[in-house]
Amino acid sequence: MFTLLRRILSLYLGIGLLLGLVAGFSRLFVRVVHGLGPGEFGPALGDAAFWAFMRLWLWPWQFWTEVVEGERTLLGWLLA
């Protein structure tokens, strides 16, 4: 029983971590490409970390409300 729960939790956190990294790096990349002024890298990095954390924990709910209900395509959701 505990092995099954551990596998489910590992899968949940593994998918969330992967999606969180993609979300964080994509937000940071967009901010860097559009240009950062002096002293803006720290806030940009903090914003990316915040969105990575949010995606880590909330990805099942976001997936259901955005992709399954048809608000976004799967690729658009992965890169959001």
Protein backbone atom coordinates (compact mmCIF):
# COMPACT_ATOMS: atom_id res chain seq x y z
CA MET A 1 0.00 0.00 0.00
CA PHE A 2 2.74 2.44 0.95
CA THR A 3 4.71 1.52 -2.15
CA LEU A 4 1.77 2.48 -4.35
CA LEU A 5 1.30 5.78 -2.51
CA ARG A 6 5.00 6.53 -2.80
CA ARG A 7 4.93 5.83 -6.55
CA ILE A 8 1.90 8.06 -7.05
CA LEU A 9 3.48 10.88 -5.05
CA SER A 10 6.78 10.47 -6.92
CA LEU A 11 4.97 10.62 -10.26
CA TYR A 12 2.97 13.68 -9.20
CA LEU A 13 6.06 15.54 -7.99
CA GLY A 14 8.17 14.39 -10.93
CA ILE A 15 5.71 15.70 -13.50
CA GLY A 16 5.20 18.87 -11.50
CA LEU A 17 8.94 19.47 -11.19
CA LEU A 18 9.47 19.02 -14.91
CA LEU A 19 6.60 21.36 -15.76
CA GLY A 20 7.79 23.83 -13.14
CA LEU A 21 11.25 23.97 -14.64
CA VAL A 22 9.82 24.52 -18.12
CA ALA A 23 7.49 27.26 -16.87
CA GLY A 24 10.19 29.01 -14.86
CA PHE A 25 12.84 28.94 -17.56
CA SER A 26 10.41 30.01 -20.29
CA ARG A 27 9.30 33.04 -18.24
CA LEU A 28 12.90 33.95 -17.46
CA PHE A 29 13.91 33.50 -21.11
CA VAL A 30 11.13 35.81 -22.31
CA ARG A 31 12.11 38.49 -19.80
CA VAL A 32 15.80 38.26 -20.79
CA VAL A 33 15.05 38.36 -24.53
CA HIS A 34 12.87 41.45 -24.14
CA GLY A 35 15.71 43.11 -22.30
CA LEU A 36 16.44 43.63 -18.66
CA GLY A 37 17.51 46.94 -17.27
CA PRO A 38 19.96 47.41 -14.42
CA GLY A 39 18.83 45.57 -11.31
CA GLU A 40 15.99 43.68 -13.02
CA PHE A 41 17.56 40.22 -13.16
CA GLY A 42 16.82 39.46 -9.50
CA PRO A 43 13.09 40.22 -9.78
CA ALA A 44 12.93 38.30 -13.07
CA LEU A 45 14.54 35.30 -11.41
CA GLY A 46 12.14 35.58 -8.46
CA ASP A 47 9.16 35.72 -10.82
CA ALA A 48 10.40 32.63 -12.65
CA ALA A 49 10.90 30.76 -9.38
CA PHE A 50 7.41 31.72 -8.20
CA TRP A 51 5.78 30.43 -11.37
CA ALA A 52 7.87 27.26 -11.26
CA PHE A 53 6.68 26.64 -7.69
CA MET A 54 3.05 27.32 -8.61
CA ARG A 55 3.23 24.97 -11.59
CA LEU A 56 4.82 22.29 -9.42
CA TRP A 57 1.83 22.08 -7.08
CA LEU A 58 -1.10 23.15 -9.24
CA TRP A 59 -0.46 21.36 -12.53
CA PRO A 60 -3.34 18.81 -12.29
CA TRP A 61 -5.90 21.55 -11.70
CA GLN A 62 -4.42 23.77 -14.43
CA PHE A 63 -4.32 20.88 -16.87
CA TRP A 64 -7.96 20.02 -16.22
CA THR A 65 -9.32 23.56 -16.42
CA GLU A 66 -7.26 24.70 -19.40
CA VAL A 67 -6.67 21.70 -21.67
CA VAL A 68 -9.53 19.30 -20.94
CA GLU A 69 -12.14 22.08 -20.98
CA GLY A 70 -10.66 23.43 -24.22
CA GLU A 71 -9.25 26.83 -23.26
CA ARG A 72 -5.77 25.98 -24.60
CA THR A 73 -4.01 23.41 -26.70
CA LEU A 74 -1.67 20.98 -24.99
CA LEU A 75 1.42 22.69 -26.43
CA GLY A 76 0.15 26.10 -25.35
CA TRP A 77 -0.43 24.78 -21.85
CA LEU A 78 3.04 23.24 -21.61
CA LEU A 79 4.69 26.51 -22.61
CA ALA A 80 2.46 28.81 -20.54
